[in-house]
């Protein structure tokens, strides 16, 4: 899959599921539930146990039906391991120029974490495909709207504090997509192995994005 196709898939999904430190034995039913709910862009954080093994396993199982990327990629070394595992994208809480360069070199979508206009422009100028506005909840969806005036040409993915109550506001205020962590990867559902419940929650998130884009 080409990078442009991957970026389009991220947009169509509207949501990147942030899967942080899952039980490696549950990663397949988690992935299956998210896809069943209409979310096919999955981030497995690099600080998870057996992270690269899980990325490779999910990617092998679903192929182009899902985008599988690495999150919490803080540096060049982590990025290299993630790419070797077959990551479609690199999602980071910070901006590291070398990490962006490596991702681009191997055709992965690069999404560094930024907050200020200076950081946003610097990352995009260095070759970032998308930028992650993090932590988004600190300034709220109105901050994203304010950024659209001078920086609307740069596709942004707010992450951190996104939930069912505010996801529509972020989409309406210009988000290319959003990153959803704890509010989507519900701890109680995972502990109970209620994967049908997880699929339904994913479905609700996906519907919120669709509704917002119709407005």
N, C-alpha and C. Protein backbone atom coordinates (compact mmCIF):
# COMPACT_ATOMS: atom_id res chain seq x y z
N UNK A 1 0.84 -1.19 0.00
CA UNK A 1 0.00 0.00 0.00
C UNK A 1 0.88 1.25 0.00
N UNK A 2 0.60 2.18 -0.90
CA UNK A 2 1.37 3.42 -0.98
C UNK A 2 1.03 4.35 0.17
N UNK A 3 1.95 5.29 0.41
CA UNK A 3 1.75 6.21 1.53
C UNK A 3 0.46 7.02 1.37
N UNK A 4 0.17 7.46 0.16
CA UNK A 4 -1.05 8.23 -0.05
C UNK A 4 -2.29 7.41 0.28
N UNK A 5 -2.23 6.11 -0.01
CA UNK A 5 -3.35 5.23 0.31
C UNK A 5 -3.48 5.05 1.82
N UNK A 6 -2.36 4.98 2.49
CA UNK A 6 -2.37 4.86 3.96
C UNK A 6 -2.95 6.12 4.60
N UNK A 7 -2.56 7.26 4.09
CA UNK A 7 -3.07 8.51 4.63
C UNK A 7 -4.58 8.63 4.40
N UNK A 8 -5.02 8.19 3.25
CA UNK A 8 -6.45 8.22 2.95
C UNK A 8 -7.21 7.27 3.87
N UNK A 9 -6.61 6.13 4.18
CA UNK A 9 -7.25 5.16 5.08
C UNK A 9 -7.38 5.74 6.49
N UNK A 10 -6.36 6.48 6.93
CA UNK A 10 -6.43 7.13 8.24
C UNK A 10 -7.59 8.12 8.26
N UNK A 11 -7.71 8.88 7.17
CA UNK A 11 -8.81 9.84 7.09
C UNK A 11 -10.16 9.15 7.09
N UNK A 12 -10.29 8.10 6.30
CA UNK A 12 -11.57 7.40 6.20
C UNK A 12 -11.96 6.77 7.53
N UNK A 13 -10.99 6.23 8.24
CA UNK A 13 -11.27 5.67 9.56
C UNK A 13 -11.69 6.79 10.51
N UNK A 14 -10.98 7.91 10.43
CA UNK A 14 -11.27 9.06 11.29
C UNK A 14 -10.75 8.93 12.70
N UNK A 15 -10.37 7.73 13.07
CA UNK A 15 -9.92 7.46 14.43
C UNK A 15 -8.71 6.52 14.39
N UNK A 16 -7.69 6.89 15.12
CA UNK A 16 -6.57 5.98 15.37
C UNK A 16 -6.78 5.43 16.78
N UNK A 17 -6.96 4.12 16.88
CA UNK A 17 -7.14 3.49 18.18
C UNK A 17 -5.77 3.35 18.85
N UNK A 18 -5.62 3.99 19.99
CA UNK A 18 -4.35 3.95 20.73
C UNK A 18 -4.40 2.77 21.70
N UNK A 19 -3.73 1.70 21.34
CA UNK A 19 -3.74 0.47 22.14
C UNK A 19 -2.47 0.46 22.98
N UNK A 20 -2.60 0.84 24.24
CA UNK A 20 -1.43 0.99 25.11
C UNK A 20 -1.29 -0.19 26.06
N UNK A 21 -0.16 -0.86 25.96
CA UNK A 21 0.21 -1.96 26.85
C UNK A 21 -0.89 -3.02 27.00
N UNK A 22 -1.37 -3.55 25.89
CA UNK A 22 -2.38 -4.60 25.98
C UNK A 22 -1.75 -5.93 26.39
N UNK A 23 -2.58 -6.84 26.84
CA UNK A 23 -2.13 -8.20 27.05
C UNK A 23 -1.82 -8.78 25.67
N UNK A 24 -0.57 -9.20 25.43
CA UNK A 24 -0.23 -9.71 24.09
C UNK A 24 -1.12 -10.85 23.63
N UNK A 25 -1.66 -11.61 24.58
CA UNK A 25 -2.51 -12.74 24.22
C UNK A 25 -3.91 -12.29 23.77
N UNK A 26 -4.24 -11.03 24.02
CA UNK A 26 -5.57 -10.52 23.67
C UNK A 26 -5.55 -9.59 22.45
N UNK A 27 -4.37 -9.39 21.86
CA UNK A 27 -4.27 -8.39 20.81
C UNK A 27 -5.12 -8.74 19.59
N UNK A 28 -5.24 -10.02 19.26
CA UNK A 28 -6.02 -10.39 18.08
C UNK A 28 -7.52 -10.13 18.28
N UNK A 29 -8.13 -10.57 19.38
CA UNK A 29 -9.55 -10.24 19.56
C UNK A 29 -9.79 -8.74 19.73
N UNK A 30 -8.83 -8.01 20.28
CA UNK A 30 -8.95 -6.55 20.37
C UNK A 30 -9.00 -5.96 18.96
N UNK A 31 -8.06 -6.37 18.13
CA UNK A 31 -8.00 -5.87 16.76
C UNK A 31 -9.27 -6.23 15.99
N UNK A 32 -9.71 -7.45 16.15
CA UNK A 32 -10.92 -7.91 15.46
C UNK A 32 -12.14 -7.08 15.88
N UNK A 33 -12.23 -6.77 17.17
CA UNK A 33 -13.36 -5.99 17.68
C UNK A 33 -13.34 -4.57 17.12
N UNK A 34 -12.17 -3.97 17.09
CA UNK A 34 -12.06 -2.61 16.58
C UNK A 34 -12.43 -2.55 15.10
N UNK A 35 -11.95 -3.51 14.33
CA UNK A 35 -12.29 -3.55 12.91
C UNK A 35 -13.78 -3.79 12.71
N UNK A 36 -14.35 -4.65 13.52
CA UNK A 36 -15.79 -4.91 13.42
C UNK A 36 -16.59 -3.65 13.71
N UNK A 37 -16.03 -2.77 14.55
CA UNK A 37 -16.70 -1.52 14.89
C UNK A 37 -16.41 -0.38 13.94
N UNK A 38 -15.63 -0.64 12.91
CA UNK A 38 -15.38 0.38 11.89
C UNK A 38 -14.12 1.19 12.09
N UNK A 39 -13.26 0.79 13.01
CA UNK A 39 -11.98 1.47 13.21
C UNK A 39 -10.88 0.53 12.74
N UNK A 40 -10.22 0.90 11.65
CA UNK A 40 -9.23 0.01 11.06
C UNK A 40 -7.82 0.61 11.06
N UNK A 41 -7.60 1.64 11.89
CA UNK A 41 -6.27 2.21 12.04
C UNK A 41 -5.86 2.01 13.49
N UNK A 42 -4.91 1.13 13.71
CA UNK A 42 -4.57 0.68 15.05
C UNK A 42 -3.12 1.02 15.40
N UNK A 43 -2.97 1.67 16.53
CA UNK A 43 -1.63 1.99 17.04
C UNK A 43 -1.34 1.10 18.25
N UNK A 44 -0.23 0.40 18.21
CA UNK A 44 0.25 -0.37 19.35
C UNK A 44 1.47 0.35 19.90
N UNK A 45 1.40 0.78 21.14
CA UNK A 45 2.49 1.60 21.68
C UNK A 45 3.76 0.78 21.85
N UNK A 46 4.88 1.42 21.55
CA UNK A 46 6.17 0.73 21.58
C UNK A 46 6.61 0.36 22.99
N UNK A 47 5.97 0.94 23.99
CA UNK A 47 6.32 0.59 25.37
C UNK A 47 5.52 -0.60 25.88
N UNK A 48 4.79 -1.26 24.98
CA UNK A 48 4.03 -2.47 25.34
C UNK A 48 4.93 -3.69 25.34
N UNK A 49 4.58 -4.66 26.16
CA UNK A 49 5.29 -5.93 26.16
C UNK A 49 5.10 -6.60 24.80
N UNK A 50 6.20 -7.01 24.18
CA UNK A 50 6.17 -7.70 22.88
C UNK A 50 5.50 -6.85 21.80
N UNK A 51 5.75 -5.54 21.86
CA UNK A 51 5.10 -4.60 20.95
C UNK A 51 5.34 -4.94 19.49
N UNK A 52 6.57 -5.18 19.12
CA UNK A 52 6.90 -5.40 17.71
C UNK A 52 6.32 -6.74 17.22
N UNK A 53 6.31 -7.70 18.11
CA UNK A 53 5.70 -8.99 17.77
C UNK A 53 4.21 -8.81 17.49
N UNK A 54 3.55 -8.00 18.31
CA UNK A 54 2.11 -7.77 18.12
C UNK A 54 1.84 -7.01 16.83
N UNK A 55 2.66 -6.02 16.52
CA UNK A 55 2.50 -5.26 15.27
C UNK A 55 2.61 -6.21 14.08
N UNK A 56 3.62 -7.01 14.11
CA UNK A 56 3.85 -7.96 13.01
C UNK A 56 2.71 -8.96 12.89
N UNK A 57 2.22 -9.43 14.02
CA UNK A 57 1.16 -10.44 14.04
C UNK A 57 -0.15 -9.89 13.49
N UNK A 58 -0.53 -8.70 13.94
CA UNK A 58 -1.79 -8.10 13.49
C UNK A 58 -1.70 -7.73 12.02
N UNK A 59 -0.56 -7.20 11.61
CA UNK A 59 -0.38 -6.83 10.21
C UNK A 59 -0.45 -8.06 9.30
N UNK A 60 0.16 -9.14 9.74
CA UNK A 60 0.15 -10.37 8.94
C UNK A 60 -1.26 -10.92 8.82
N UNK A 61 -2.03 -10.82 9.88
CA UNK A 61 -3.39 -11.38 9.90
C UNK A 61 -4.34 -10.59 9.02
N UNK A 62 -4.28 -9.26 9.10
CA UNK A 62 -5.28 -8.43 8.42
C UNK A 62 -4.79 -7.80 7.12
N UNK A 63 -3.50 -7.80 6.88
CA UNK A 63 -2.98 -7.22 5.64
C UNK A 63 -3.45 -5.79 5.44
N UNK A 64 -3.94 -5.50 4.24
CA UNK A 64 -4.37 -4.14 3.91
C UNK A 64 -5.75 -3.79 4.46
N UNK A 65 -6.39 -4.74 5.15
CA UNK A 65 -7.68 -4.42 5.78
C UNK A 65 -7.51 -3.48 6.95
N UNK A 66 -6.30 -3.43 7.49
CA UNK A 66 -6.02 -2.57 8.64
C UNK A 66 -4.67 -1.88 8.48
N UNK A 67 -4.58 -0.68 9.01
CA UNK A 67 -3.29 -0.03 9.17
C UNK A 67 -2.83 -0.32 10.59
N UNK A 68 -1.60 -0.75 10.73
CA UNK A 68 -1.05 -1.06 12.05
C UNK A 68 0.24 -0.27 12.21
N UNK A 69 0.26 0.56 13.23
CA UNK A 69 1.43 1.40 13.44
C UNK A 69 1.96 1.30 14.85
N UNK A 70 3.09 1.95 15.06
CA UNK A 70 3.72 1.98 16.38
C UNK A 70 3.51 3.35 17.00
N UNK A 71 3.19 3.36 18.28
CA UNK A 71 3.02 4.61 18.99
C UNK A 71 4.10 4.78 20.06
N UNK A 72 4.13 5.96 20.66
CA UNK A 72 5.15 6.29 21.66
C UNK A 72 6.55 6.04 21.10
N UNK A 73 6.74 6.43 19.86
CA UNK A 73 8.05 6.29 19.20
C UNK A 73 8.84 7.56 19.49
N UNK A 74 9.74 7.47 20.45
CA UNK A 74 10.44 8.66 20.92
C UNK A 74 11.73 8.96 20.19
N UNK A 75 12.27 7.95 19.50
CA UNK A 75 13.60 8.14 18.94
C UNK A 75 13.84 7.26 17.72
N UNK A 76 15.02 7.43 17.15
CA UNK A 76 15.42 6.72 15.94
C UNK A 76 15.45 5.21 16.12
N UNK A 77 15.98 4.75 17.24
CA UNK A 77 16.11 3.31 17.48
C UNK A 77 14.75 2.64 17.51
N UNK A 78 13.81 3.24 18.25
CA UNK A 78 12.46 2.69 18.33
C UNK A 78 11.79 2.68 16.96
N UNK A 79 12.01 3.75 16.20
CA UNK A 79 11.42 3.84 14.86
C UNK A 79 11.93 2.71 13.97
N UNK A 80 13.22 2.43 14.04
CA UNK A 80 13.79 1.37 13.21
C UNK A 80 13.18 0.01 13.55
N UNK A 81 13.04 -0.27 14.83
CA UNK A 81 12.44 -1.54 15.25
C UNK A 81 10.99 -1.63 14.76
N UNK A 82 10.27 -0.53 14.87
CA UNK A 82 8.87 -0.51 14.45
C UNK A 82 8.74 -0.76 12.95
N UNK A 83 9.60 -0.14 12.18
CA UNK A 83 9.57 -0.30 10.73
C UNK A 83 9.95 -1.72 10.32
N UNK A 84 10.90 -2.31 11.03
CA UNK A 84 11.30 -3.69 10.75
C UNK A 84 10.14 -4.66 11.02
N UNK A 85 9.26 -4.27 11.95
CA UNK A 85 8.11 -5.10 12.28
C UNK A 85 6.97 -4.91 11.29
N UNK A 86 7.12 -3.94 10.38
CA UNK A 86 6.11 -3.73 9.35
C UNK A 86 5.12 -2.61 9.63
N UNK A 87 5.48 -1.70 10.52
CA UNK A 87 4.56 -0.61 10.86
C UNK A 87 4.19 0.24 9.65
N UNK A 88 2.90 0.51 9.52
CA UNK A 88 2.42 1.38 8.44
C UNK A 88 2.64 2.85 8.77
N UNK A 89 2.67 3.17 10.06
CA UNK A 89 2.86 4.57 10.46
C UNK A 89 3.60 4.64 11.79
N UNK A 90 4.18 5.81 12.02
CA UNK A 90 4.92 6.09 13.25
C UNK A 90 4.20 7.23 13.96
N UNK A 91 3.71 6.96 15.15
CA UNK A 91 2.94 7.92 15.94
C UNK A 91 3.77 8.27 17.17
N UNK A 92 4.01 9.53 17.39
CA UNK A 92 4.90 9.92 18.49
C UNK A 92 4.31 11.05 19.32
N UNK A 93 4.64 11.12 20.60
CA UNK A 93 4.19 12.24 21.43
C UNK A 93 5.07 13.47 21.27
N UNK A 94 6.21 13.29 20.58
CA UNK A 94 7.19 14.37 20.43
C UNK A 94 7.61 14.48 18.96
N UNK A 95 8.31 15.56 18.66
CA UNK A 95 8.87 15.73 17.32
C UNK A 95 10.37 15.49 17.36
N UNK A 96 10.82 14.49 16.60
CA UNK A 96 12.24 14.19 16.46
C UNK A 96 12.54 14.13 14.96
N UNK A 97 13.36 15.01 14.48
CA UNK A 97 13.61 15.14 13.04
C UNK A 97 14.12 13.85 12.41
N UNK A 98 15.04 13.18 13.07
CA UNK A 98 15.62 11.96 12.51
C UNK A 98 14.56 10.86 12.39
N UNK A 99 13.67 10.78 13.35
CA UNK A 99 12.59 9.79 13.30
C UNK A 99 11.69 10.04 12.09
N UNK A 100 11.39 11.30 11.82
CA UNK A 100 10.59 11.65 10.64
C UNK A 100 11.32 11.24 9.37
N UNK A 101 12.60 11.50 9.31
CA UNK A 101 13.39 11.17 8.13
C UNK A 101 13.42 9.66 7.87
N UNK A 102 13.57 8.89 8.94
CA UNK A 102 13.61 7.43 8.80
C UNK A 102 12.26 6.90 8.32
N UNK A 103 11.20 7.42 8.90
CA UNK A 103 9.87 6.99 8.46
C UNK A 103 9.66 7.27 6.99
N UNK A 104 10.03 8.44 6.55
CA UNK A 104 9.88 8.80 5.14
C UNK A 104 10.76 7.93 4.24
N UNK A 105 11.92 7.62 4.73
CA UNK A 105 12.86 6.82 3.93
C UNK A 105 12.28 5.45 3.59
N UNK A 106 11.48 4.92 4.51
CA UNK A 106 10.94 3.57 4.32
C UNK A 106 9.44 3.57 4.02
N UNK A 107 8.89 4.74 3.69
CA UNK A 107 7.52 4.81 3.20
C UNK A 107 6.44 4.75 4.24
N UNK A 108 6.79 4.90 5.52
CA UNK A 108 5.77 4.90 6.58
C UNK A 108 5.20 6.31 6.73
N UNK A 109 3.95 6.40 7.15
CA UNK A 109 3.34 7.69 7.45
C UNK A 109 3.91 8.17 8.78
N UNK A 110 4.42 9.38 8.81
CA UNK A 110 5.03 9.92 10.03
C UNK A 110 4.09 10.93 10.69
N UNK A 111 3.87 10.75 11.99
CA UNK A 111 2.94 11.60 12.73
C UNK A 111 3.59 12.01 14.05
N UNK A 112 4.46 13.02 14.04
CA UNK A 112 5.12 13.45 15.28
C UNK A 112 4.18 14.29 16.15
N UNK A 113 4.46 14.29 17.44
CA UNK A 113 3.67 15.08 18.37
C UNK A 113 4.16 16.51 18.47
N UNK A 114 3.21 17.44 18.41
CA UNK A 114 3.53 18.87 18.47
C UNK A 114 2.42 19.58 19.26
N UNK A 115 2.66 20.85 19.57
CA UNK A 115 1.62 21.63 20.23
C UNK A 115 1.58 23.06 19.72
N UNK A 116 2.72 23.72 19.68
CA UNK A 116 2.74 25.13 19.29
C UNK A 116 2.80 25.29 17.78
N UNK A 117 2.40 26.46 17.27
CA UNK A 117 2.52 26.71 15.83
C UNK A 117 3.94 26.52 15.31
N UNK A 118 4.92 26.91 16.09
CA UNK A 118 6.32 26.75 15.66
C UNK A 118 6.66 25.28 15.50
N UNK A 119 6.25 24.46 16.47
CA UNK A 119 6.51 23.01 16.38
C UNK A 119 5.78 22.39 15.20
N UNK A 120 4.55 22.82 14.98
CA UNK A 120 3.75 22.28 13.88
C UNK A 120 4.43 22.55 12.55
N UNK A 121 4.84 23.78 12.33
CA UNK A 121 5.48 24.16 11.07
C UNK A 121 6.84 23.47 10.93
N UNK A 122 7.59 23.40 12.00
CA UNK A 122 8.91 22.76 11.95
C UNK A 122 8.80 21.29 11.56
N UNK A 123 7.85 20.59 12.18
CA UNK A 123 7.68 19.17 11.88
C UNK A 123 7.22 18.95 10.45
N UNK A 124 6.28 19.77 10.00
CA UNK A 124 5.75 19.63 8.64
C UNK A 124 6.82 19.96 7.60
N UNK A 125 7.60 20.98 7.88
CA UNK A 125 8.69 21.37 6.98
C UNK A 125 9.74 20.26 6.88
N UNK A 126 9.94 19.54 7.99
CA UNK A 126 10.92 18.45 8.01
C UNK A 126 10.43 17.20 7.30
N UNK A 127 9.14 17.19 6.89
CA UNK A 127 8.63 16.07 6.12
C UNK A 127 7.57 15.24 6.79
N UNK A 128 7.07 15.68 7.95
CA UNK A 128 5.99 14.93 8.60
C UNK A 128 4.76 14.93 7.69
N UNK A 129 4.10 13.79 7.59
CA UNK A 129 2.91 13.69 6.74
C UNK A 129 1.69 14.29 7.43
N UNK A 130 1.58 14.04 8.72
CA UNK A 130 0.51 14.55 9.56
C UNK A 130 1.17 14.98 10.87
N UNK A 131 0.48 15.78 11.65
CA UNK A 131 1.02 16.11 12.96
C UNK A 131 0.01 15.76 14.03
N UNK A 132 0.52 15.33 15.16
CA UNK A 132 -0.30 14.94 16.30
C UNK A 132 -0.33 16.10 17.29
N UNK A 133 -1.51 16.70 17.48
CA UNK A 133 -1.64 17.77 18.45
C UNK A 133 -1.83 17.12 19.81
N UNK A 134 -0.81 17.21 20.65
CA UNK A 134 -0.80 16.47 21.91
C UNK A 134 -0.14 17.29 23.01
N UNK A 135 -0.76 17.31 24.19
CA UNK A 135 -2.04 16.70 24.57
C UNK A 135 -3.21 17.62 24.22
N UNK A 136 -4.11 17.13 23.40
CA UNK A 136 -5.16 17.97 22.83
C UNK A 136 -6.10 18.56 23.87
N UNK A 137 -6.44 17.78 24.90
CA UNK A 137 -7.43 18.23 25.87
C UNK A 137 -6.95 19.43 26.70
N UNK A 138 -5.66 19.65 26.73
CA UNK A 138 -5.13 20.76 27.53
C UNK A 138 -5.68 22.11 27.07
N UNK A 139 -5.85 22.26 25.74
CA UNK A 139 -6.36 23.52 25.20
C UNK A 139 -7.72 23.36 24.53
N UNK A 140 -8.16 22.13 24.34
CA UNK A 140 -9.51 21.88 23.83
C UNK A 140 -9.64 22.01 22.33
N UNK A 141 -10.84 21.71 21.85
CA UNK A 141 -11.09 21.71 20.41
C UNK A 141 -11.04 23.10 19.81
N UNK A 142 -11.29 24.13 20.61
CA UNK A 142 -11.24 25.50 20.09
C UNK A 142 -9.83 25.88 19.66
N UNK A 143 -8.82 25.30 20.32
CA UNK A 143 -7.42 25.56 19.93
C UNK A 143 -7.17 25.04 18.52
N UNK A 144 -7.72 23.87 18.22
CA UNK A 144 -7.56 23.31 16.88
C UNK A 144 -8.20 24.24 15.84
N UNK A 145 -9.36 24.77 16.18
CA UNK A 145 -10.04 25.69 15.28
C UNK A 145 -9.21 26.94 15.05
N UNK A 146 -8.59 27.46 16.10
CA UNK A 146 -7.74 28.64 15.97
C UNK A 146 -6.54 28.39 15.07
N UNK A 147 -6.03 27.16 15.10
CA UNK A 147 -4.87 26.82 14.26
C UNK A 147 -5.22 26.76 12.78
N UNK A 148 -6.49 26.52 12.48
CA UNK A 148 -6.89 26.33 11.09
C UNK A 148 -6.69 27.57 10.24
N UNK A 149 -6.81 28.75 10.84
CA UNK A 149 -6.63 29.98 10.07
C UNK A 149 -5.29 30.04 9.35
N UNK A 150 -4.19 30.08 10.12
CA UNK A 150 -2.88 30.17 9.48
C UNK A 150 -2.29 28.84 9.04
N UNK A 151 -2.75 27.73 9.64
CA UNK A 151 -2.10 26.44 9.42
C UNK A 151 -3.05 25.35 8.92
N UNK A 152 -4.14 25.75 8.32
CA UNK A 152 -5.14 24.79 7.86
C UNK A 152 -4.65 23.84 6.78
N UNK A 153 -3.54 24.18 6.13
CA UNK A 153 -3.00 23.29 5.08
C UNK A 153 -2.24 22.11 5.67
N UNK A 154 -2.01 22.13 6.98
CA UNK A 154 -1.27 21.05 7.64
C UNK A 154 -2.28 20.12 8.32
N UNK A 155 -2.37 18.86 7.92
CA UNK A 155 -3.35 17.94 8.52
C UNK A 155 -2.98 17.58 9.95
N UNK A 156 -3.95 17.73 10.85
CA UNK A 156 -3.70 17.57 12.28
C UNK A 156 -4.55 16.47 12.89
N UNK A 157 -3.95 15.73 13.82
CA UNK A 157 -4.64 14.66 14.53
C UNK A 157 -4.55 14.92 16.03
N UNK A 158 -5.58 15.53 16.61
CA UNK A 158 -5.57 15.76 18.05
C UNK A 158 -5.67 14.43 18.80
N UNK A 159 -4.89 14.31 19.86
CA UNK A 159 -4.84 13.09 20.65
C UNK A 159 -4.64 13.46 22.12
N UNK A 160 -5.31 12.71 22.98
CA UNK A 160 -5.19 12.98 24.41
C UNK A 160 -6.46 13.63 24.93
N UNK A 161 -7.29 12.84 25.61
CA UNK A 161 -8.54 13.37 26.13
C UNK A 161 -9.69 13.34 25.16
N UNK A 162 -9.55 12.63 24.04
CA UNK A 162 -10.64 12.52 23.08
C UNK A 162 -11.63 11.46 23.58
N UNK A 163 -12.92 11.80 23.57
CA UNK A 163 -13.94 10.86 24.02
C UNK A 163 -15.22 11.04 23.20
N UNK A 164 -16.25 10.27 23.53
CA UNK A 164 -17.50 10.34 22.76
C UNK A 164 -18.18 11.70 22.87
N UNK A 165 -17.92 12.41 23.95
CA UNK A 165 -18.57 13.70 24.15
C UNK A 165 -17.94 14.84 23.34
N UNK A 166 -16.65 14.70 22.99
CA UNK A 166 -15.99 15.81 22.30
C UNK A 166 -15.43 15.48 20.93
N UNK A 167 -15.51 14.21 20.50
CA UNK A 167 -14.89 13.85 19.22
C UNK A 167 -15.50 14.61 18.06
N UNK A 168 -16.81 14.85 18.08
CA UNK A 168 -17.43 15.59 17.00
C UNK A 168 -16.91 17.02 16.92
N UNK A 169 -16.68 17.62 18.08
CA UNK A 169 -16.18 19.00 18.10
C UNK A 169 -14.80 19.09 17.46
N UNK A 170 -13.95 18.11 17.72
CA UNK A 170 -12.61 18.12 17.12
C UNK A 170 -12.70 17.94 15.60
N UNK A 171 -13.55 17.04 15.15
CA UNK A 171 -13.72 16.85 13.70
C UNK A 171 -14.27 18.13 13.07
N UNK A 172 -15.28 18.71 13.69
CA UNK A 172 -15.87 19.94 13.16
C UNK A 172 -14.89 21.10 13.14
N UNK A 173 -13.92 21.07 14.05
CA UNK A 173 -12.95 22.17 14.12
C UNK A 173 -11.69 21.91 13.31
N UNK A 174 -11.75 20.89 12.43
CA UNK A 174 -10.66 20.74 11.46
C UNK A 174 -9.77 19.54 11.59
N UNK A 175 -10.05 18.63 12.51
CA UNK A 175 -9.19 17.46 12.66
C UNK A 175 -9.25 16.55 11.43
N UNK A 176 -8.10 16.13 10.98
CA UNK A 176 -8.00 15.16 9.88
C UNK A 176 -8.52 13.80 10.37
N UNK A 177 -8.20 13.50 11.60
CA UNK A 177 -8.66 12.31 12.32
C UNK A 177 -8.32 12.59 13.79
N UNK A 178 -8.67 11.67 14.67
CA UNK A 178 -8.33 11.83 16.08
C UNK A 178 -7.67 10.56 16.58
N UNK A 179 -6.91 10.69 17.65
CA UNK A 179 -6.36 9.54 18.34
C UNK A 179 -7.17 9.32 19.60
N UNK A 180 -7.68 8.11 19.81
CA UNK A 180 -8.49 7.81 20.99
C UNK A 180 -7.86 6.67 21.78
N UNK A 181 -7.57 6.94 23.05
CA UNK A 181 -6.93 5.94 23.88
C UNK A 181 -7.85 5.33 24.91
N UNK A 182 -7.73 5.79 26.16
CA UNK A 182 -8.46 5.18 27.25
C UNK A 182 -9.97 5.18 27.12
N UNK A 183 -10.52 6.20 26.50
CA UNK A 183 -11.98 6.26 26.35
C UNK A 183 -12.50 5.22 25.36
N UNK A 184 -11.65 4.81 24.43
CA UNK A 184 -12.01 3.77 23.47
C UNK A 184 -11.57 2.39 23.98
N UNK A 185 -10.34 2.31 24.43
CA UNK A 185 -9.81 1.05 24.95
C UNK A 185 -10.22 0.91 26.41
N UNK A 186 -11.53 0.79 26.60
CA UNK A 186 -12.13 0.79 27.92
C UNK A 186 -11.57 -0.33 28.81
N UNK A 187 -11.02 0.05 29.96
CA UNK A 187 -10.36 -0.90 30.84
C UNK A 187 -11.29 -2.00 31.32
N UNK A 188 -12.52 -1.63 31.68
CA UNK A 188 -13.47 -2.61 32.19
C UNK A 188 -13.84 -3.65 31.11
N UNK A 189 -14.04 -3.16 29.88
CA UNK A 189 -14.38 -4.07 28.80
C UNK A 189 -13.24 -5.05 28.52
N UNK A 190 -12.01 -4.54 28.55
CA UNK A 190 -10.86 -5.39 28.27
C UNK A 190 -10.64 -6.41 29.38
N UNK A 191 -10.80 -5.97 30.63
CA UNK A 191 -10.61 -6.90 31.74
C UNK A 191 -11.66 -8.01 31.72
N UNK A 192 -12.87 -7.65 31.29
CA UNK A 192 -13.95 -8.64 31.22
C UNK A 192 -13.92 -9.44 29.92
N UNK A 193 -12.97 -9.10 29.05
CA UNK A 193 -12.88 -9.73 27.73
C UNK A 193 -14.20 -9.60 26.97
N UNK A 194 -14.81 -8.44 27.15
CA UNK A 194 -16.08 -8.15 26.46
C UNK A 194 -15.76 -7.50 25.11
N UNK A 195 -15.38 -8.33 24.17
CA UNK A 195 -14.96 -7.80 22.87
C UNK A 195 -16.15 -7.34 22.02
N UNK A 196 -17.31 -7.90 22.28
CA UNK A 196 -18.51 -7.39 21.61
C UNK A 196 -18.82 -5.98 22.10
N UNK A 197 -18.62 -5.75 23.39
CA UNK A 197 -18.80 -4.42 23.94
C UNK A 197 -17.80 -3.43 23.37
N UNK A 198 -16.57 -3.89 23.17
CA UNK A 198 -15.54 -3.04 22.57
C UNK A 198 -15.90 -2.69 21.14
N UNK A 199 -16.41 -3.67 20.39
CA UNK A 199 -16.82 -3.42 19.01
C UNK A 199 -17.95 -2.39 18.97
N UNK A 200 -18.87 -2.47 19.90
CA UNK A 200 -19.98 -1.52 19.95
C UNK A 200 -19.49 -0.12 20.30
N UNK A 201 -18.54 -0.04 21.22
CA UNK A 201 -17.97 1.25 21.58
C UNK A 201 -17.24 1.86 20.38
N UNK A 202 -16.49 1.03 19.66
CA UNK A 202 -15.80 1.49 18.45
C UNK A 202 -16.81 1.98 17.42
N UNK A 203 -17.91 1.27 17.31
CA UNK A 203 -18.96 1.64 16.37
C UNK A 203 -19.55 3.01 16.72
N UNK A 204 -19.70 3.28 18.00
CA UNK A 204 -20.22 4.58 18.44
C UNK A 204 -19.25 5.71 18.10
N UNK A 205 -17.96 5.46 18.30
CA UNK A 205 -16.95 6.46 17.94
C UNK A 205 -16.98 6.72 16.44
N UNK A 206 -16.99 5.65 15.66
CA UNK A 206 -16.98 5.78 14.20
C UNK A 206 -18.20 6.55 13.71
N UNK A 207 -19.34 6.30 14.33
CA UNK A 207 -20.57 6.99 13.94
C UNK A 207 -20.49 8.48 14.26
N UNK A 208 -19.88 8.81 15.38
CA UNK A 208 -19.71 10.21 15.75
C UNK A 208 -18.90 10.96 14.70
N UNK A 209 -17.86 10.33 14.20
CA UNK A 209 -17.03 10.95 13.16
C UNK A 209 -17.84 11.14 11.88
N UNK A 210 -18.59 10.11 11.50
CA UNK A 210 -19.42 10.22 10.30
C UNK A 210 -20.45 11.34 10.44
N UNK A 211 -21.07 11.42 11.59
CA UNK A 211 -22.08 12.45 11.83
C UNK A 211 -21.47 13.86 11.74
N UNK A 212 -20.27 14.00 12.30
CA UNK A 212 -19.62 15.31 12.29
C UNK A 212 -19.25 15.73 10.88
N UNK A 213 -18.84 14.78 10.06
CA UNK A 213 -18.44 15.12 8.69
C UNK A 213 -19.63 15.44 7.80
N UNK A 214 -20.82 15.05 8.21
CA UNK A 214 -22.03 15.37 7.45
C UNK A 214 -22.50 16.80 7.72
N UNK A 215 -22.06 17.37 8.84
CA UNK A 215 -22.55 18.69 9.24
C UNK A 215 -21.96 19.81 8.37
